[in-house]
C-alpha cells in the first residue's frame, strides 16, 4: 500500500503540477518489426519472420522523457543525434508528445537505433546501430552548454546513461555541480561501472546487475551493505536498486528498506528502469518522501512490464492503478468535480465502464443500499451524485436535510459498492451527467425512463438507462414521519433528531 495514497492520487491527477524536467543522456530510436513465424529458413537453421507491422518509438533517454511527459511533466531532452532520417523521426515522435528535443547534431556518429524483430510476444532478434567513439570535443562543449542552459529553470534533472558516449565523467560532474548549486535534485540511471562519475547526485537508480558490476560483489546481502557505504562515499541521499520480480531496495546511509514488486503478468521488462527513474524524478520535484516515491515507482513499473516493447507509462494508467488502492478509504472517494473527471478518464483508459446515479441520500437506509449495490453490478465503477444541502432544502423544504452533505458524502463513500461521490449544487444533476458522460444511468423504479434527468443525453452518446426496483415501501420521508409520529405518541422517548 502506498503511504498517503489519497494525496499521491491527487498529485498524479494534477500532473505533478507540470514540473520542468531536463533529461540528458543517450537518445535512441527503437524500431520494431512484428511478424509471424511458421517455418524455418532453407538457407540456415533460423526462423523466417513474415512481417505484418513496423513501428518506431523513442528509446533510451528518449523513453525516460516519454515517461515523464506521459505523467504530466514539461520535458527538455538533451543528447547527440546524427543529423539523419532517424533523428528526424525521433524529433517528430517527441514533438508529438510535447517534448522539446535539444539535440547536438554529430554527423559522424549516426543516431543510435535498436531494431527488434518479434513474433507474438517473443523477441527473435535485436540489431543495434551505433558509433559512439566518433564524437569530438566540440560536440561535448555544445552538449554541456545546451544542458546548462536548460538546467537553469529546471525542477529536476535526470541523467540517463546507456553507455553510448554522452555522459562522460566530465559531463556528469559539470551538470551535477550546476544543478546542485541551484538546489535542483539530480537522479541518475547508471551504466558505467565507475559510479564515482555520479558523485554528488541526489540518487542513483541501478538494477541489481549494474550495482554488482560497480561494486564487484555478487551475494545480495553484502552487495546491499556495500551500496549503503557507497551512499555516504559519493554524497548521495539514496540508491534505489531495482530487483526485478523482487521489487526495489532503497539504500540510505543508516537504513535499508524494501518495496515488494506489484505482481502482474510480465511480457517485457525493457523500459521498466526508465519508468522507475521518471517517477522518482517527479517525486523529487514535488518533495514526495522517498518511501512513498519508491512504492509509487513499483506500481508504475508493474504497468509497463505487462506490455510488449519499450512503452512509457501514462498518467491515466497510473491513476487507474492507484484508484484501486484508495478504494477502501472514504475521504479519498469524495471528490470535487475536476478531480472526478480526471479519475473517470483514468478508468476509461483502463477499459472500465462508468455507472452514475444520484440523490439526496438523507438518512441512508436499506433501500439506498440495495439500489447502490445493484447499480454497481451494472458496470465497473459507480459514481454517486449527491445533492448539496442547499439543493436538498430547495427540493425537500427548510427542515431538510437531516444529515449535512459532508457526513452524507462520507457515509456513501464508506460503502464498498461506491467508487466516487461528488456533490452538485443544482436542482438536477444534468450538468454533472453531461460532464461525466456515464455509460449507464441508474434511477429507482419509482421513475419512468422518460422522467429520468439526463436519460436522453446518455442514450445520445450510446449509453443506457436502467431502473432499479425499490425495496418495499421505504423512504427517508417516511422514516422521518414515522419518527415524528412516534415522538408525539411517546414524548418521553428520545426523538429521532436528538
Foldseek 3Di string as FASTA:
>chain_A
DFPPLLVVLVCLLCLLVAFEEEEEEAKAKEKEFEFAWDDADPVDRATDGDTDDIDIDIDFSLLLVVQSLQSRYQYEYEEEAQPDPRVVVHCVRCVVSNYHYDYQHDNVWHGWYWYWYDYDLRTRDIDIDTDQVPDDPVSLVVRLVVLLVSLPRGLAYEYGYPPSHNLDLVSLVSNLVSNVVVVHAYEYADDDLACLSNANHQEYEYELVSLCSNQVDDDDPVSLVVLLVVCVVRVYQWYWYQDVQQAIWIHHNPDIDGAGADDDDFRAQPQLSSQLVSQVRSCSSSVNDPSSSRNLSRLLSRVQRNDRDNDHGHSLCSSQSSLVVCLQPLVSQEDELSSVLSNLSSCVVVVWAEEEEEDACQPPDPQNVVQLQVRLVVIPAYEYEHEAQQLCCVVPHDVDDLDHPVVSSSVVSNDSSHSHYYYDHDNACQVVCVSSLGQEYEDEPVDDLVPHRCQVVNVVVPHHYDYHYTDDPDDPVVVQVVQVVVCVVPVVDDGPSD
